Each structure stands twice: as C-alpha cells, then as structure tokens.
C-alpha cells in the first residue's frame, strides 16, 4: 500500500514541474520575440520587460559639427625667451641712464650757448660741452639701437605678440607664463594646410585622446616654418596644469568654413560587434530594429553621426547591448532543430 502512495506522489510532482516549465516558456515567448520583416531583424519586447531591464530611449535634434584636422606640436620652454628678456631689461636700464645724462648735457649746452652769446663764457668751453653732448648722444643712440635689435631678433623667433608680452610692462599673459600658471605651445600644421584665419582656440591632448582634450588659446603666427615638415607654426597657450614644457601634444584644429550636419548621441547608444557599430531604433511601443553606423565621429560628449539618423527618431540610449544579445541569440539554431 505504501508503495502505491509513493508512486502516486512522484507522478503528482512530475506533473506539477512540467506545468511550471510550460508556463515559463509561454511567458518567455510572449515577452520577447525576434522576427524577420522585409529582411530586417525586428525585436519585440513588452513594455513591462523594457522597464524591468532599464531600457531607455531618447530623441535627438540635428546639429552642425565643424570638421577638424590633426596637427602636432610641443610645450615650449621659456628659458631662451627669459634670456632675451634679461638682455632687454639690462639694456633698458643702461638706455634710461644714458638718456638722463644726455638730457643733463643738453641742458648744460643750452645754458652755455646763451652765456656765450652774452660773451660770458668762451667758445672753447661751449665746444667742450658740445663734444660731451655728442658723446652722450652717441651712447644713448647705441643703447636704443641694441634694444631694437633685441626686440627684432625676438620677433623673428617668437613673433610680435609674445615679444610684446615679454618686453611690455605689466603683461598679465607673460606673468602667467613665468609663474607656471599657463604654458606656451608651438603647433605645426601640415605643409599643405592653408594659413589659419580667425581662429580663437583649438583642442590639445598630450595623450592623443580627443575625448579628453582641452582648449588652448591662439596667440600668433610664428615667423618661421618647421624645417622638418615645412609646415607653418603657430603659438598657443594653455592654462591646464597637466601641460608641462617639453611635452609633445596632439592638436585638433577646426577647418575653416566647413561644417557637417548630423546628430550627437551618447556613447551608451552605440554598440560594437566584429568591427561594426550599431544603434537600435524604437519603431513603436514594443518593437526595435538595429541600424549599422558608418564612421561615427568621437566628440567630447558622445558620437557625432552624419546623415544616418533622422530628427525625432527614438534611439536606445540604455540597453543596446541587451538588444544586441537578443538579436544574435535568435540567430543560433535550436538544438532540437534538425
């Protein structure tokens, strides 16, 4: 009798477990299906499943992106410029002293000239004063000439604006360079690149990572070209403390009057598989399709997609990997299929 009760109990448990499995399969089929419609893989997910999985979509508006080209350069040591500045300051002090002596000599010569007219002093004394004036004027003119020579030499190497910063008084920009609060950069553009016009800033990075690049402000065009690449050279300065003299940097320079239209999407919206990039588009409340994206452009706040996405399309920004796994899982043959 006990044996029959055990057999009956085992049958009941088997029937109960089979019922649960069947229910689970039905739920899975209802909540997630993958179909091929007009050659396009369409994923269906119920709204409840979307919420539970944290799937999110967002519509974007088109914008314009100014295209960039890459150049290279380095952070410059100020030692040569400081040496020029010291020479200039030394000559400036000597020039000021020579000017004071010349003014005093000239004042004495004027006084003696008036006295000579009134026959108070001899012509010999006036001539000696004139000779002293000429000597002081020659010394002053020499100081002026040497100062101009230093300025001109600096301009040939550093450009007019940086030379003005160094030789001018109370230059805020030069004080920041001397104190290490900012760093001077020399950027060389490719030989075939046109001369930069009306540019205010560029983006630079010592690691070559565009996503982590930061701004550098335009200073001036340098008079000389790079002897190796034959490209034009430009001065920029950066306030970022990570840039130190001697560092090599990559620069992204905006191209003049050249913009493209498209959408900027967050990084989470783009997924990659086998070298291809995808986004998923929500076509209605429960259906999603993927779209292959060609040549996404990395920008600081995501990716710029040109002419491949339309205004107002709902793009999946969270859950792209989940949808991609659903799609590829549907392509795996069932073990029960022959």
Protein backbone atom coordinates (compact mmCIF):
# COMPACT_ATOMS: atom_id res chain seq x y z
CA UNK A 1 0.00 0.00 0.00
CA UNK A 2 2.81 2.38 0.89
CA UNK A 3 4.48 1.66 -2.42
CA UNK A 4 1.41 2.82 -4.35
CA UNK A 5 1.29 6.06 -2.37
CA UNK A 6 4.94 6.82 -3.20
CA UNK A 7 4.37 6.23 -6.94
CA UNK A 8 1.30 8.47 -6.89
CA UNK A 9 3.23 11.24 -5.12
CA UNK A 10 6.07 11.07 -7.66
CA UNK A 11 3.62 11.34 -10.57
CA UNK A 12 2.00 14.38 -8.98
CA UNK A 13 5.36 16.15 -8.53
CA UNK A 14 6.42 15.41 -12.11
CA UNK A 15 3.14 16.78 -13.47
CA UNK A 16 3.49 19.94 -11.32
CA UNK A 17 7.06 20.64 -12.50
CA UNK A 18 6.10 20.15 -16.15
CA UNK A 19 3.28 22.64 -15.72
CA UNK A 20 5.65 25.26 -14.34
CA UNK A 21 8.12 24.75 -17.20
CA UNK A 22 5.39 25.12 -19.77
CA UNK A 23 4.19 28.33 -18.18
CA UNK A 24 7.71 29.74 -18.13
CA UNK A 25 8.22 29.01 -21.82
CA UNK A 26 4.94 30.67 -22.68
CA UNK A 27 5.91 33.79 -20.74
CA UNK A 28 9.29 33.95 -22.47
CA UNK A 29 7.70 33.68 -25.89
CA UNK A 30 5.20 36.40 -25.06
CA UNK A 31 7.70 38.87 -23.62
CA UNK A 32 10.46 38.54 -26.23
CA UNK A 33 10.28 37.61 -29.92
CA UNK A 34 12.58 38.18 -32.86
CA UNK A 35 11.18 38.30 -36.40
CA UNK A 36 12.49 38.98 -39.87
CA UNK A 37 10.31 41.59 -41.62
CA UNK A 38 11.31 42.75 -45.12
CA UNK A 39 14.80 41.44 -44.50
CA UNK A 40 15.14 43.45 -41.28
CA UNK A 41 15.53 41.87 -37.86
CA UNK A 42 12.78 43.19 -35.58
CA UNK A 43 12.96 42.63 -31.82
CA UNK A 44 9.78 42.73 -29.77
CA UNK A 45 9.90 43.49 -26.06
CA UNK A 46 6.86 44.12 -23.92
CA UNK A 47 6.79 47.49 -22.18
CA UNK A 48 6.95 45.83 -18.78
CA UNK A 49 10.11 43.96 -19.77
CA UNK A 50 11.61 47.21 -21.09
CA UNK A 51 11.03 48.89 -17.75
CA UNK A 52 12.39 45.99 -15.73
CA UNK A 53 15.55 45.80 -17.83
CA UNK A 54 16.16 49.58 -17.58
CA UNK A 55 15.89 50.14 -21.33
CA UNK A 56 15.69 53.86 -22.23
CA UNK A 57 15.24 55.75 -25.47
CA UNK A 58 15.72 59.37 -26.45
CA UNK A 59 15.01 61.53 -29.50
CA UNK A 60 17.70 63.92 -30.74
CA UNK A 61 17.74 67.04 -32.89
CA UNK A 62 20.23 67.60 -35.68
CA UNK A 63 23.16 69.92 -35.19
CA UNK A 64 26.25 71.07 -37.07
CA UNK A 65 29.79 69.94 -36.39
CA UNK A 66 32.82 71.83 -37.55
CA UNK A 67 35.28 69.40 -39.03
CA UNK A 68 38.82 69.24 -37.69
CA UNK A 69 42.26 68.25 -38.87
CA UNK A 70 45.09 66.95 -36.73
CA UNK A 71 48.38 68.73 -36.14
CA UNK A 72 51.24 68.20 -33.71
CA UNK A 73 53.39 70.34 -31.51
CA UNK A 74 55.04 70.70 -28.13
CA UNK A 75 55.03 72.73 -24.96
CA UNK A 76 57.86 75.24 -25.12
CA UNK A 77 60.48 76.09 -22.51
CA UNK A 78 60.69 79.82 -21.77
CA UNK A 79 64.43 79.80 -21.00
CA UNK A 80 65.51 81.34 -24.34
CA UNK A 81 62.79 83.99 -24.04
CA UNK A 82 63.79 84.79 -20.46
CA UNK A 83 67.41 85.19 -21.61
CA UNK A 84 66.27 87.69 -24.25
CA UNK A 85 64.18 89.48 -21.65
CA UNK A 86 67.16 89.81 -19.29
CA UNK A 87 69.27 91.32 -22.07
CA UNK A 88 66.47 93.72 -22.92
CA UNK A 89 65.97 94.82 -19.31
CA UNK A 90 69.70 95.34 -18.84
CA UNK A 91 69.90 97.49 -21.96
CA UNK A 92 66.75 99.33 -20.97
CA UNK A 93 68.37 100.33 -17.68
CA UNK A 94 71.53 101.50 -19.47
CA UNK A 95 69.40 103.33 -22.02
CA UNK A 96 67.50 105.14 -19.26
CA UNK A 97 70.78 106.20 -17.63
CA UNK A 98 72.21 107.37 -20.98
CA UNK A 99 69.03 109.32 -21.66
CA UNK A 100 69.28 111.07 -18.29
CA UNK A 101 72.93 112.02 -18.91
CA UNK A 102 72.07 113.25 -22.40
CA UNK A 103 69.25 115.40 -21.06
CA UNK A 104 71.59 116.92 -18.45
CA UNK A 105 74.35 117.53 -21.02
CA UNK A 106 71.87 119.07 -23.44
CA UNK A 107 70.55 121.36 -20.72
CA UNK A 108 74.13 122.46 -19.90
CA UNK A 109 74.93 123.09 -23.55
CA UNK A 110 71.83 125.27 -23.94
CA UNK A 111 72.86 127.29 -20.88
CA UNK A 112 76.44 127.75 -22.15
CA UNK A 113 75.21 128.71 -25.60
CA UNK A 114 73.17 131.54 -24.09
CA UNK A 115 76.12 132.61 -21.95
CA UNK A 116 78.42 132.57 -24.96
CA UNK A 117 76.03 134.87 -26.85
CA UNK A 118 76.39 137.35 -24.00
CA UNK A 119 80.21 136.90 -24.04
CA UNK A 120 80.17 135.40 -20.58
CA UNK A 121 81.92 132.11 -21.49
CA UNK A 122 84.50 131.30 -24.11
CA UNK A 123 83.89 129.41 -27.32
CA UNK A 124 86.28 126.68 -26.12
CA UNK A 125 84.10 125.89 -23.09
CA UNK A 126 80.98 125.73 -25.27
CA UNK A 127 82.79 123.41 -27.70
CA UNK A 128 83.82 121.10 -24.87
CA UNK A 129 80.18 120.93 -23.75
CA UNK A 130 79.05 120.21 -27.30
CA UNK A 131 81.60 117.43 -27.57
CA UNK A 132 80.33 115.91 -24.33
CA UNK A 133 76.74 116.15 -25.60
CA UNK A 134 77.67 114.38 -28.84
CA UNK A 135 79.39 111.61 -26.87
CA UNK A 136 76.37 111.15 -24.59
CA UNK A 137 74.00 111.19 -27.57
CA UNK A 138 76.07 108.55 -29.38
CA UNK A 139 75.97 106.33 -26.27
CA UNK A 140 72.21 106.80 -25.96
CA UNK A 141 71.66 106.05 -29.66
CA UNK A 142 73.73 102.88 -29.26
CA UNK A 143 71.51 101.72 -26.39
CA UNK A 144 68.39 102.44 -28.45
CA UNK A 145 69.79 100.51 -31.41
CA UNK A 146 70.76 97.48 -29.30
CA UNK A 147 67.32 97.43 -27.65
CA UNK A 148 65.63 97.47 -31.05
CA UNK A 149 67.98 94.73 -32.23
CA UNK A 150 66.94 92.51 -29.31
CA UNK A 151 63.26 93.19 -29.97
CA UNK A 152 63.61 92.46 -33.70
CA UNK A 153 65.55 89.27 -33.01
CA UNK A 154 62.88 88.15 -30.54
CA UNK A 155 60.11 88.87 -33.03
CA UNK A 156 61.82 86.73 -35.66
CA UNK A 157 61.88 83.81 -33.24
CA UNK A 158 58.82 84.28 -31.02
CA UNK A 159 56.54 86.56 -33.02
CA UNK A 160 55.38 90.09 -32.36
CA UNK A 161 52.74 89.40 -29.72
CA UNK A 162 54.90 87.23 -27.46
CA UNK A 163 57.73 89.75 -27.76
CA UNK A 164 55.31 92.48 -26.70
CA UNK A 165 54.30 90.37 -23.71
CA UNK A 166 57.93 89.91 -22.71
CA UNK A 167 59.14 93.48 -23.25
CA UNK A 168 55.99 95.31 -22.22
CA UNK A 169 55.26 96.33 -18.69
CA UNK A 170 52.68 94.58 -16.52
CA UNK A 171 51.77 91.93 -19.13
CA UNK A 172 49.27 89.63 -17.42
CA UNK A 173 49.77 86.89 -20.03
CA UNK A 174 53.54 86.89 -19.59
CA UNK A 175 53.26 86.86 -15.81
CA UNK A 176 51.11 83.73 -16.05
CA UNK A 177 53.75 82.09 -18.25
CA UNK A 178 56.56 82.99 -15.87
CA UNK A 179 54.62 81.77 -12.83
CA UNK A 180 53.75 78.46 -14.49
CA UNK A 181 50.01 79.14 -14.46
CA UNK A 182 49.97 78.77 -18.24
CA UNK A 183 52.22 77.08 -20.79
CA UNK A 184 53.29 78.21 -24.23
CA UNK A 185 52.78 75.80 -27.15
CA UNK A 186 54.15 75.66 -30.65
CA UNK A 187 51.83 73.83 -33.09
CA UNK A 188 52.94 72.89 -36.59
CA UNK A 189 50.31 72.36 -39.29
CA UNK A 190 50.84 70.04 -42.27
CA UNK A 191 52.67 71.61 -45.18
CA UNK A 192 49.59 71.54 -47.43
CA UNK A 193 47.31 73.17 -44.86
CA UNK A 194 46.10 76.73 -45.54
CA UNK A 195 47.05 79.53 -43.18
CA UNK A 196 44.77 79.61 -40.15
CA UNK A 197 42.37 82.55 -40.19
CA UNK A 198 40.15 83.94 -37.41
CA UNK A 199 40.86 81.06 -35.09
CA UNK A 200 40.45 81.58 -31.35
CA UNK A 201 41.13 78.17 -29.85
CA UNK A 202 41.99 74.55 -30.58
CA UNK A 203 41.86 71.32 -28.60
CA UNK A 204 45.04 69.62 -27.46
CA UNK A 205 45.99 66.43 -25.63
CA UNK A 206 49.37 65.05 -24.52
CA UNK A 207 47.99 61.51 -24.83
CA UNK A 208 46.39 61.86 -28.26
CA UNK A 209 42.91 61.22 -26.80
CA UNK A 210 40.36 63.55 -28.41
CA UNK A 211 37.73 62.75 -25.79
CA UNK A 212 39.98 64.09 -23.02
CA UNK A 213 41.40 67.03 -24.96
CA UNK A 214 41.18 70.57 -23.59
CA UNK A 215 41.30 74.05 -25.05
CA UNK A 216 44.37 76.08 -25.93
CA UNK A 217 44.04 79.74 -26.91
CA UNK A 218 45.53 81.25 -30.05
CA UNK A 219 48.43 83.68 -29.65
CA UNK A 220 50.03 84.38 -33.02
CA UNK A 221 51.52 83.04 -36.21
CA UNK A 222 55.24 82.38 -35.87
CA UNK A 223 57.53 83.92 -38.50
CA UNK A 224 59.43 80.72 -39.31
CA UNK A 225 58.25 77.39 -40.66
CA UNK A 226 59.15 73.96 -39.33
CA UNK A 227 62.35 72.86 -41.02
CA UNK A 228 61.35 69.18 -41.00
CA UNK A 229 57.73 69.24 -42.19
CA UNK A 230 57.85 72.65 -43.96
CA UNK A 231 54.56 73.49 -42.25
CA UNK A 232 53.51 76.79 -40.74
CA UNK A 233 53.95 77.21 -36.99
CA UNK A 234 51.59 78.86 -34.52
CA UNK A 235 51.77 79.83 -30.87
CA UNK A 236 49.02 78.88 -28.41
CA UNK A 237 48.87 78.93 -24.65
CA UNK A 238 47.13 76.57 -22.25
CA UNK A 239 46.05 77.14 -18.66
CA UNK A 240 45.81 73.41 -17.99
CA UNK A 241 48.32 72.42 -15.27
CA UNK A 242 48.82 69.00 -16.88
CA UNK A 243 50.79 70.58 -19.73
CA UNK A 244 54.47 70.96 -18.89
CA UNK A 245 57.38 72.30 -21.01
CA UNK A 246 58.85 69.58 -23.19
CA UNK A 247 55.61 67.63 -23.63
CA UNK A 248 54.55 66.63 -27.12
CA UNK A 249 50.87 67.25 -27.86
CA UNK A 250 48.31 66.36 -30.49
CA UNK A 251 46.13 69.24 -31.66
CA UNK A 252 42.68 69.22 -33.27
CA UNK A 253 42.23 72.35 -35.35
CA UNK A 254 38.83 73.39 -36.76
CA UNK A 255 38.73 73.59 -40.53
CA UNK A 256 37.67 76.94 -41.89
CA UNK A 257 34.07 77.24 -43.19
CA UNK A 258 33.49 73.50 -43.27
CA UNK A 259 30.64 72.03 -41.22
CA UNK A 260 28.59 68.85 -41.49
CA UNK A 261 25.07 68.10 -40.23
CA UNK A 262 24.08 65.18 -38.06
CA UNK A 263 23.13 64.05 -34.57
CA UNK A 264 25.22 63.80 -31.41
CA UNK A 265 24.32 60.68 -29.43
CA UNK A 266 25.73 59.50 -26.09
CA UNK A 267 28.38 56.79 -26.02
CA UNK A 268 25.94 54.35 -24.43
CA UNK A 269 23.75 54.49 -27.56
CA UNK A 270 26.43 52.99 -29.78
CA UNK A 271 27.40 49.33 -29.54
CA UNK A 272 30.11 47.44 -31.39
CA UNK A 273 30.36 43.92 -32.77
CA UNK A 274 33.00 42.46 -35.08
CA UNK A 275 34.31 45.90 -36.01
CA UNK A 276 30.88 47.32 -36.87
CA UNK A 277 28.93 49.86 -34.85
CA UNK A 278 25.16 49.79 -34.31
CA UNK A 279 22.35 51.79 -32.78
CA UNK A 280 18.87 50.49 -32.04
CA UNK A 281 15.81 52.43 -33.13
CA UNK A 282 12.44 52.12 -31.40
CA UNK A 283 9.86 51.93 -34.19
CA UNK A 284 6.81 51.58 -31.93
CA UNK A 285 5.98 50.83 -28.31
CA UNK A 286 7.33 47.29 -28.38
CA UNK A 287 9.49 46.90 -31.49
CA UNK A 288 13.15 47.72 -32.14
CA UNK A 289 15.45 47.46 -35.14
CA UNK A 290 19.18 47.98 -35.39
CA UNK A 291 20.93 50.31 -37.80
CA UNK A 292 24.56 49.99 -38.82
CA UNK A 293 26.51 53.25 -38.37
CA UNK A 294 29.40 54.10 -40.64
CA UNK A 295 32.27 56.30 -39.47
CA UNK A 296 30.98 57.63 -36.13
CA UNK A 297 32.99 60.69 -35.09
CA UNK A 298 34.09 60.76 -31.47
CA UNK A 299 33.27 64.08 -29.77
CA UNK A 300 33.65 65.09 -26.09
CA UNK A 301 30.01 64.32 -25.23
CA UNK A 302 29.47 61.19 -27.33
CA UNK A 303 29.47 60.39 -31.04
CA UNK A 304 28.53 62.56 -33.99
CA UNK A 305 26.55 60.62 -36.62
CA UNK A 306 26.25 62.27 -40.02
CA UNK A 307 23.24 61.67 -42.33
CA UNK A 308 22.39 58.24 -40.91
CA UNK A 309 19.87 59.18 -38.25
CA UNK A 310 16.83 61.40 -38.60
CA UNK A 311 15.43 64.07 -36.29
CA UNK A 312 12.96 62.70 -33.79
CA UNK A 313 13.90 59.02 -34.13
CA UNK A 314 13.81 57.30 -30.77
CA UNK A 315 17.27 55.89 -30.19
CA UNK A 316 18.03 53.42 -27.45
CA UNK A 317 20.50 55.05 -25.04
CA UNK A 318 20.44 52.32 -22.38
CA UNK A 319 20.06 48.63 -23.15
CA UNK A 320 21.77 48.46 -26.55
CA UNK A 321 23.93 45.50 -25.52
CA UNK A 322 20.85 43.65 -24.27
CA UNK A 323 19.05 44.13 -27.59
CA UNK A 324 22.15 43.09 -29.50
CA UNK A 325 22.37 39.87 -27.46
CA UNK A 326 18.68 39.13 -28.14
CA UNK A 327 19.23 39.56 -31.85
CA UNK A 328 22.29 37.36 -32.05
CA UNK A 329 20.76 34.73 -29.78
CA UNK A 330 17.88 34.41 -32.23
CA UNK A 331 20.36 33.52 -34.96
CA UNK A 332 21.70 30.50 -33.03
CA UNK A 333 19.94 27.31 -34.24
CA UNK A 334 17.82 25.48 -31.66
CA UNK A 335 19.38 22.17 -30.57
CA UNK A 336 16.07 20.45 -31.22
CA UNK A 337 16.01 21.66 -34.83
CA UNK A 338 17.36 19.19 -37.38
